Amino acid sequence: MKANESFTKLVNLLGAATSMNVAAASLDEGNVKVAFNKWKNLTHRKGKQNKDWLGLSESLDQAGRFPDEEE
């Protein structure tokens, strides 16, 4: 059960990362409308991928941070 939940969360985080990449690529190509729609989907509190984006952002923010070990 936990493995399925973790895998689902991972897939959702990867989906959010893909949407971010599509937004960036669209902006590079000059397609502002597609870029804005993808970004809004990620960042607006009612966006379809908002929770996944927040999870991805939090994960990236925590990358490389390890709790101090107590001796």
PDB file of N, CA and C in Angstrom:
ATOM      1  N   MET A   1       0.827  -1.192   0.000  1.00  0.00           N
ATOM      2  CA  MET A   1       0.000   0.000   0.000  1.00  0.00           C
ATOM      3  C   MET A   1       0.873   1.258   0.000  1.00  0.00           C
ATOM      4  N   LYS A   2       1.862   1.324   0.914  1.00  0.00           N
ATOM      5  CA  LYS A   2       2.745   2.497   0.977  1.00  0.00           C
ATOM      6  C   LYS A   2       3.559   2.636  -0.296  1.00  0.00           C
ATOM      7  N   ALA A   3       3.968   1.507  -0.866  1.00  0.00           N
ATOM      8  CA  ALA A   3       4.749   1.555  -2.100  1.00  0.00           C
ATOM      9  C   ALA A   3       3.916   2.155  -3.221  1.00  0.00           C
ATOM     10  N   ASN A   4       2.651   1.797  -3.297  1.00  0.00           N
ATOM     11  CA  ASN A   4       1.772   2.348  -4.323  1.00  0.00           C
ATOM     12  C   ASN A   4       1.578   3.848  -4.139  1.00  0.00           C
ATOM     13  N   GLU A   5       1.392   4.277  -2.898  1.00  0.00           N
ATOM     14  CA  GLU A   5       1.226   5.703  -2.617  1.00  0.00           C
ATOM     15  C   GLU A   5       2.492   6.471  -2.971  1.00  0.00           C
ATOM     16  N   SER A   6       3.635   5.931  -2.596  1.00  0.00           N
ATOM     17  CA  SER A   6       4.903   6.594  -2.895  1.00  0.00           C
ATOM     18  C   SER A   6       5.139   6.671  -4.393  1.00  0.00           C
ATOM     19  N   PHE A   7       4.827   5.606  -5.102  1.00  0.00           N
ATOM     20  CA  PHE A   7       5.005   5.606  -6.547  1.00  0.00           C
ATOM     21  C   PHE A   7       4.075   6.616  -7.203  1.00  0.00           C
ATOM     22  N   THR A   8       2.841   6.682  -6.728  1.00  0.00           N
ATOM     23  CA  THR A   8       1.882   7.655  -7.261  1.00  0.00           C
ATOM     24  C   THR A   8       2.378   9.076  -7.030  1.00  0.00           C
ATOM     25  N   LYS A   9       2.895   9.339  -5.835  1.00  0.00           N
ATOM     26  CA  LYS A   9       3.429  10.674  -5.539  1.00  0.00           C
ATOM     27  C   LYS A   9       4.611  10.997  -6.443  1.00  0.00           C
ATOM     28  N   LEU A  10       5.477  10.015  -6.662  1.00  0.00           N
ATOM     29  CA  LEU A  10       6.631  10.221  -7.539  1.00  0.00           C
ATOM     30  C   LEU A  10       6.184  10.546  -8.956  1.00  0.00           C
ATOM     31  N   VAL A  11       5.221   9.811  -9.466  1.00  0.00           N
ATOM     32  CA  VAL A  11       4.708  10.060 -10.816  1.00  0.00           C
ATOM     33  C   VAL A  11       4.100  11.455 -10.900  1.00  0.00           C
ATOM     34  N   ASN A  12       3.365  11.861  -9.875  1.00  0.00           N
ATOM     35  CA  ASN A  12       2.770  13.202  -9.863  1.00  0.00           C
ATOM     36  C   ASN A  12       3.833  14.293  -9.819  1.00  0.00           C
ATOM     37  N   LEU A  13       4.896  14.079  -9.042  1.00  0.00           N
ATOM     38  CA  LEU A  13       5.986  15.057  -8.996  1.00  0.00           C
ATOM     39  C   LEU A  13       6.680  15.158 -10.349  1.00  0.00           C
ATOM     40  N   LEU A  14       6.880  14.015 -10.989  1.00  0.00           N
ATOM     41  CA  LEU A  14       7.490  14.023 -12.324  1.00  0.00           C
ATOM     42  C   LEU A  14       6.581  14.708 -13.332  1.00  0.00           C
ATOM     43  N   GLY A  15       5.280  14.529 -13.192  1.00  0.00           N
ATOM     44  CA  GLY A  15       4.321  15.215 -14.065  1.00  0.00           C
ATOM     45  C   GLY A  15       4.400  16.724 -13.899  1.00  0.00           C
ATOM     46  N   ALA A  16       4.545  17.177 -12.662  1.00  0.00           N
ATOM     47  CA  ALA A  16       4.688  18.616 -12.404  1.00  0.00           C
ATOM     48  C   ALA A  16       5.988  19.139 -13.016  1.00  0.00           C
ATOM     49  N   ALA A  17       7.058  18.363 -12.890  1.00  0.00           N
ATOM     50  CA  ALA A  17       8.337  18.773 -13.482  1.00  0.00           C
ATOM     51  C   ALA A  17       8.220  18.839 -15.007  1.00  0.00           C
ATOM     52  N   THR A  18       7.497  17.907 -15.587  1.00  0.00           N
ATOM     53  CA  THR A  18       7.293  17.912 -17.043  1.00  0.00           C
ATOM     54  C   THR A  18       6.513  19.140 -17.464  1.00  0.00           C
ATOM     55  N   SER A  19       5.479  19.487 -16.718  1.00  0.00           N
ATOM     56  CA  SER A  19       4.702  20.686 -17.039  1.00  0.00           C
ATOM     57  C   SER A  19       5.563  21.938 -16.963  1.00  0.00           C
ATOM     58  N   MET A  20       6.456  21.984 -15.978  1.00  0.00           N
ATOM     59  CA  MET A  20       7.363  23.125 -15.865  1.00  0.00           C
ATOM     60  C   MET A  20       8.267  23.200 -17.096  1.00  0.00           C
ATOM     61  N   ASN A  21       8.758  22.049 -17.542  1.00  0.00           N
ATOM     62  CA  ASN A  21       9.610  22.016 -18.729  1.00  0.00           C
ATOM     63  C   ASN A  21       8.852  22.438 -19.976  1.00  0.00           C
ATOM     64  N   VAL A  22       7.597  22.018 -20.089  1.00  0.00           N
ATOM     65  CA  VAL A  22       6.775  22.425 -21.233  1.00  0.00           C
ATOM     66  C   VAL A  22       6.558  23.935 -21.205  1.00  0.00           C
ATOM     67  N   ALA A  23       6.307  24.480 -20.009  1.00  0.00           N
ATOM     68  CA  ALA A  23       6.124  25.930 -19.881  1.00  0.00           C
ATOM     69  C   ALA A  23       7.386  26.668 -20.316  1.00  0.00           C
ATOM     70  N   ALA A  24       8.543  26.188 -19.879  1.00  0.00           N
ATOM     71  CA  ALA A  24       9.810  26.839 -20.231  1.00  0.00           C
ATOM     72  C   ALA A  24      10.083  26.728 -21.731  1.00  0.00           C
ATOM     73  N   ALA A  25       9.839  25.556 -22.295  1.00  0.00           N
ATOM     74  CA  ALA A  25      10.072  25.362 -23.740  1.00  0.00           C
ATOM     75  C   ALA A  25       9.125  26.227 -24.551  1.00  0.00           C
ATOM     76  N   SER A  26       7.890  26.328 -24.114  1.00  0.00           N
ATOM     77  CA  SER A  26       6.912  27.166 -24.819  1.00  0.00           C
ATOM     78  C   SER A  26       7.321  28.622 -24.785  1.00  0.00           C
ATOM     79  N   LEU A  27       7.829  29.055 -23.650  1.00  0.00           N
ATOM     80  CA  LEU A  27       8.280  30.439 -23.527  1.00  0.00           C
ATOM     81  C   LEU A  27       9.473  30.693 -24.453  1.00  0.00           C
ATOM     82  N   ASP A  28      10.387  29.735 -24.529  1.00  0.00           N
ATOM     83  CA  ASP A  28      11.533  29.852 -25.432  1.00  0.00           C
ATOM     84  C   ASP A  28      11.094  29.971 -26.888  1.00  0.00           C
ATOM     85  N   GLU A  29      10.001  29.280 -27.212  1.00  0.00           N
ATOM     86  CA  GLU A  29       9.490  29.307 -28.588  1.00  0.00           C
ATOM     87  C   GLU A  29       8.603  30.519 -28.850  1.00  0.00           C
ATOM     88  N   GLY A  30       8.376  31.325 -27.826  1.00  0.00           N
ATOM     89  CA  GLY A  30       7.558  32.518 -27.992  1.00  0.00           C
ATOM     90  C   GLY A  30       6.072  32.267 -27.804  1.00  0.00           C
ATOM     91  N   ASN A  31       5.712  31.084 -27.359  1.00  0.00           N
ATOM     92  CA  ASN A  31       4.308  30.767 -27.150  1.00  0.00           C
ATOM     93  C   ASN A  31       3.941  31.083 -25.701  1.00  0.00           C
ATOM     94  N   VAL A  32       3.676  32.353 -25.460  1.00  0.00           N
ATOM     95  CA  VAL A  32       3.428  32.842 -24.109  1.00  0.00           C
ATOM     96  C   VAL A  32       2.136  32.268 -23.536  1.00  0.00           C
ATOM     97  N   LYS A  33       1.126  32.100 -24.383  1.00  0.00           N
ATOM     98  CA  LYS A  33      -0.166  31.597 -23.893  1.00  0.00           C
ATOM     99  C   LYS A  33      -0.021  30.194 -23.293  1.00  0.00           C
ATOM    100  N   VAL A  34       0.650  29.289 -23.995  1.00  0.00           N
ATOM    101  CA  VAL A  34       0.839  27.931 -23.481  1.00  0.00           C
ATOM    102  C   VAL A  34       1.693  27.967 -22.222  1.00  0.00           C
ATOM    103  N   ALA A  35       2.754  28.764 -22.229  1.00  0.00           N
ATOM    104  CA  ALA A  35       3.634  28.871 -21.063  1.00  0.00           C
ATOM    105  C   ALA A  35       2.853  29.368 -19.851  1.00  0.00           C
ATOM    106  N   PHE A  36       2.049  30.403 -20.052  1.00  0.00           N
ATOM    107  CA  PHE A  36       1.261  30.957 -18.947  1.00  0.00           C
ATOM    108  C   PHE A  36       0.263  29.937 -18.419  1.00  0.00           C
ATOM    109  N   ASN A  37      -0.419  29.226 -19.322  1.00  0.00           N
ATOM    110  CA  ASN A  37      -1.408  28.235 -18.893  1.00  0.00           C
ATOM    111  C   ASN A  37      -0.766  27.100 -18.097  1.00  0.00           C
ATOM    112  N   LYS A  38       0.397  26.629 -18.543  1.00  0.00           N
ATOM    113  CA  LYS A  38       1.094  25.561 -17.818  1.00  0.00           C
ATOM    114  C   LYS A  38       1.552  26.057 -16.452  1.00  0.00           C
ATOM    115  N   TRP A  39       2.109  27.265 -16.420  1.00  0.00           N
ATOM    116  CA  TRP A  39       2.605  27.812 -15.164  1.00  0.00           C
ATOM    117  C   TRP A  39       1.455  28.052 -14.183  1.00  0.00           C
ATOM    118  N   LYS A  40       0.327  28.553 -14.708  1.00  0.00           N
ATOM    119  CA  LYS A  40      -0.855  28.790 -13.873  1.00  0.00           C
ATOM    120  C   LYS A  40      -1.373  27.472 -13.309  1.00  0.00           C
ATOM    121  N   ASN A  41      -1.350  26.421 -14.111  1.00  0.00           N
ATOM    122  CA  ASN A  41      -1.784  25.098 -13.665  1.00  0.00           C
ATOM    123  C   ASN A  41      -0.927  24.613 -12.488  1.00  0.00           C
ATOM    124  N   LEU A  42       0.331  24.985 -12.482  1.00  0.00           N
ATOM    125  CA  LEU A  42       1.244  24.575 -11.417  1.00  0.00           C
ATOM    126  C   LEU A  42       1.147  25.457 -10.178  1.00  0.00           C
ATOM    127  N   THR A  43       1.023  26.754 -10.371  1.00  0.00           N
ATOM    128  CA  THR A  43       1.186  27.678  -9.252  1.00  0.00           C
ATOM    129  C   THR A  43      -0.103  28.211  -8.645  1.00  0.00           C
ATOM    130  N   HIS A  44      -1.176  28.271  -9.403  1.00  0.00           N
ATOM    131  CA  HIS A  44      -2.435  28.793  -8.858  1.00  0.00           C
ATOM    132  C   HIS A  44      -2.992  27.799  -7.846  1.00  0.00           C
ATOM    133  N   ARG A  45      -3.518  28.290  -6.748  1.00  0.00           N
ATOM    134  CA  ARG A  45      -3.984  27.379  -5.692  1.00  0.00           C
ATOM    135  C   ARG A  45      -5.075  26.431  -6.172  1.00  0.00           C
ATOM    136  N   LYS A  46      -5.784  26.781  -7.244  1.00  0.00           N
ATOM    137  CA  LYS A  46      -6.807  25.897  -7.797  1.00  0.00           C
ATOM    138  C   LYS A  46      -6.307  25.135  -9.026  1.00  0.00           C
ATOM    139  N   GLY A  47      -5.022  25.256  -9.328  1.00  0.00           N
ATOM    140  CA  GLY A  47      -4.443  24.570 -10.483  1.00  0.00           C
ATOM    141  C   GLY A  47      -4.456  23.056 -10.302  1.00  0.00           C
ATOM    142  N   LYS A  48      -4.574  22.344 -11.407  1.00  0.00           N
ATOM    143  CA  LYS A  48      -4.660  20.882 -11.380  1.00  0.00           C
ATOM    144  C   LYS A  48      -3.434  20.238 -10.746  1.00  0.00           C
ATOM    145  N   GLN A  49      -2.272  20.838 -10.921  1.00  0.00           N
ATOM    146  CA  GLN A  49      -1.037  20.237 -10.418  1.00  0.00           C
ATOM    147  C   GLN A  49      -0.423  21.037  -9.275  1.00  0.00           C
ATOM    148  N   ASN A  50      -1.194  21.893  -8.645  1.00  0.00           N
ATOM    149  CA  ASN A  50      -0.667  22.763  -7.599  1.00  0.00           C
ATOM    150  C   ASN A  50      -0.065  21.986  -6.437  1.00  0.00           C
ATOM    151  N   LYS A  51      -0.763  20.976  -5.936  1.00  0.00           N
ATOM    152  CA  LYS A  51      -0.243  20.203  -4.798  1.00  0.00           C
ATOM    153  C   LYS A  51       1.023  19.460  -5.201  1.00  0.00           C
ATOM    154  N   ASP A  52       1.050  18.953  -6.425  1.00  0.00           N
ATOM    155  CA  ASP A  52       2.233  18.243  -6.902  1.00  0.00           C
ATOM    156  C   ASP A  52       3.404  19.208  -7.059  1.00  0.00           C
ATOM    157  N   TRP A  53       3.139  20.412  -7.546  1.00  0.00           N
ATOM    158  CA  TRP A  53       4.173  21.418  -7.711  1.00  0.00           C
ATOM    159  C   TRP A  53       4.736  21.835  -6.356  1.00  0.00           C
ATOM    160  N   LEU A  54       3.845  22.023  -5.375  1.00  0.00           N
ATOM    161  CA  LEU A  54       4.321  22.385  -4.038  1.00  0.00           C
ATOM    162  C   LEU A  54       5.188  21.276  -3.461  1.00  0.00           C
ATOM    163  N   GLY A  55       4.791  20.019  -3.700  1.00  0.00           N
ATOM    164  CA  GLY A  55       5.595  18.895  -3.233  1.00  0.00           C
ATOM    165  C   GLY A  55       6.946  18.844  -3.916  1.00  0.00           C
ATOM    166  N   LEU A  56       6.963  19.103  -5.220  1.00  0.00           N
ATOM    167  CA  LEU A  56       8.217  19.111  -5.960  1.00  0.00           C
ATOM    168  C   LEU A  56       9.111  20.252  -5.495  1.00  0.00           C
ATOM    169  N   SER A  57       8.541  21.427  -5.328  1.00  0.00           N
ATOM    170  CA  SER A  57       9.317  22.579  -4.859  1.00  0.00           C
ATOM    171  C   SER A  57       9.923  22.312  -3.494  1.00  0.00           C
ATOM    172  N   GLU A  58       9.128  21.722  -2.611  1.00  0.00           N
ATOM    173  CA  GLU A  58       9.614  21.410  -1.272  1.00  0.00           C
ATOM    174  C   GLU A  58      10.732  20.369  -1.332  1.00  0.00           C
ATOM    175  N   SER A  59      10.550  19.366  -2.177  1.00  0.00           N
ATOM    176  CA  SER A  59      11.577  18.330  -2.319  1.00  0.00           C
ATOM    177  C   SER A  59      12.879  18.907  -2.844  1.00  0.00           C
ATOM    178  N   LEU A  60      12.782  19.783  -3.848  1.00  0.00           N
ATOM    179  CA  LEU A  60      13.982  20.394  -4.413  1.00  0.00           C
ATOM    180  C   LEU A  60      14.656  21.302  -3.397  1.00  0.00           C
ATOM    181  N   ASP A  61      13.853  21.983  -2.594  1.00  0.00           N
ATOM    182  CA  ASP A  61      14.397  22.870  -1.573  1.00  0.00           C
ATOM    183  C   ASP A  61      15.160  22.079  -0.507  1.00  0.00           C
ATOM    184  N   GLN A  62      14.709  20.874  -0.228  1.00  0.00           N
ATOM    185  CA  GLN A  62      15.330  20.058   0.803  1.00  0.00           C
ATOM    186  C   GLN A  62      16.492  19.217   0.280  1.00  0.00           C
ATOM    187  N   ALA A  63      16.694  19.211  -1.016  1.00  0.00           N
ATOM    188  CA  ALA A  63      17.758  18.381  -1.591  1.00  0.00           C
ATOM    189  C   ALA A  63      19.114  18.752  -0.995  1.00  0.00           C
ATOM    190  N   GLY A  64      19.821  17.760  -0.547  1.00  0.00           N
ATOM    191  CA  GLY A  64      21.153  17.967  -0.009  1.00  0.00           C
ATOM    192  C   GLY A  64      21.177  18.374   1.449  1.00  0.00           C
ATOM    193  N   ARG A  65      20.034  18.582   2.026  1.00  0.00           N
ATOM    194  CA  ARG A  65      19.982  18.940   3.455  1.00  0.00           C
ATOM    195  C   ARG A  65      19.765  17.659   4.250  1.00  0.00           C
ATOM    196  N   PHE A  66      20.637  17.445   5.174  1.00  0.00           N
ATOM    197  CA  PHE A  66      20.529  16.267   6.021  1.00  0.00           C
ATOM    198  C   PHE A  66      20.489  16.716   7.469  1.00  0.00           C
ATOM    199  N   PRO A  67      19.666  16.066   8.250  1.00  0.00           N
ATOM    200  CA  PRO A  67      19.619  16.459   9.666  1.00  0.00           C
ATOM    201  C   PRO A  67      20.957  16.190  10.340  1.00  0.00           C
ATOM    202  N   ASP A  68      21.320  17.070  11.251  1.00  0.00           N
ATOM    203  CA  ASP A  68      22.547  16.875  12.018  1.00  0.00           C
ATOM    204  C   ASP A  68      22.393  15.656  12.909  1.00  0.00           C
ATOM    205  N   GLU A  69      23.390  14.831  12.875  1.00  0.00           N
ATOM    206  CA  GLU A  69      23.356  13.642  13.730  1.00  0.00           C
ATOM    207  C   GLU A  69      23.822  14.011  15.117  1.00  0.00           C
ATOM    208  N   GLU A  70      23.067  13.510  16.090  1.00  0.00           N
ATOM    209  CA  GLU A  70      23.452  13.750  17.483  1.00  0.00           C
ATOM    210  C   GLU A  70      24.399  12.644  17.914  1.00  0.00           C
ATOM    211  N   GLU A  71      25.420  13.029  18.640  1.00  0.00           N
ATOM    212  CA  GLU A  71      26.392  12.044  19.107  1.00  0.00           C
ATOM    213  C   GLU A  71      26.015  11.480  20.444  1.00  0.00           C
TER     214      GLU A  71
END
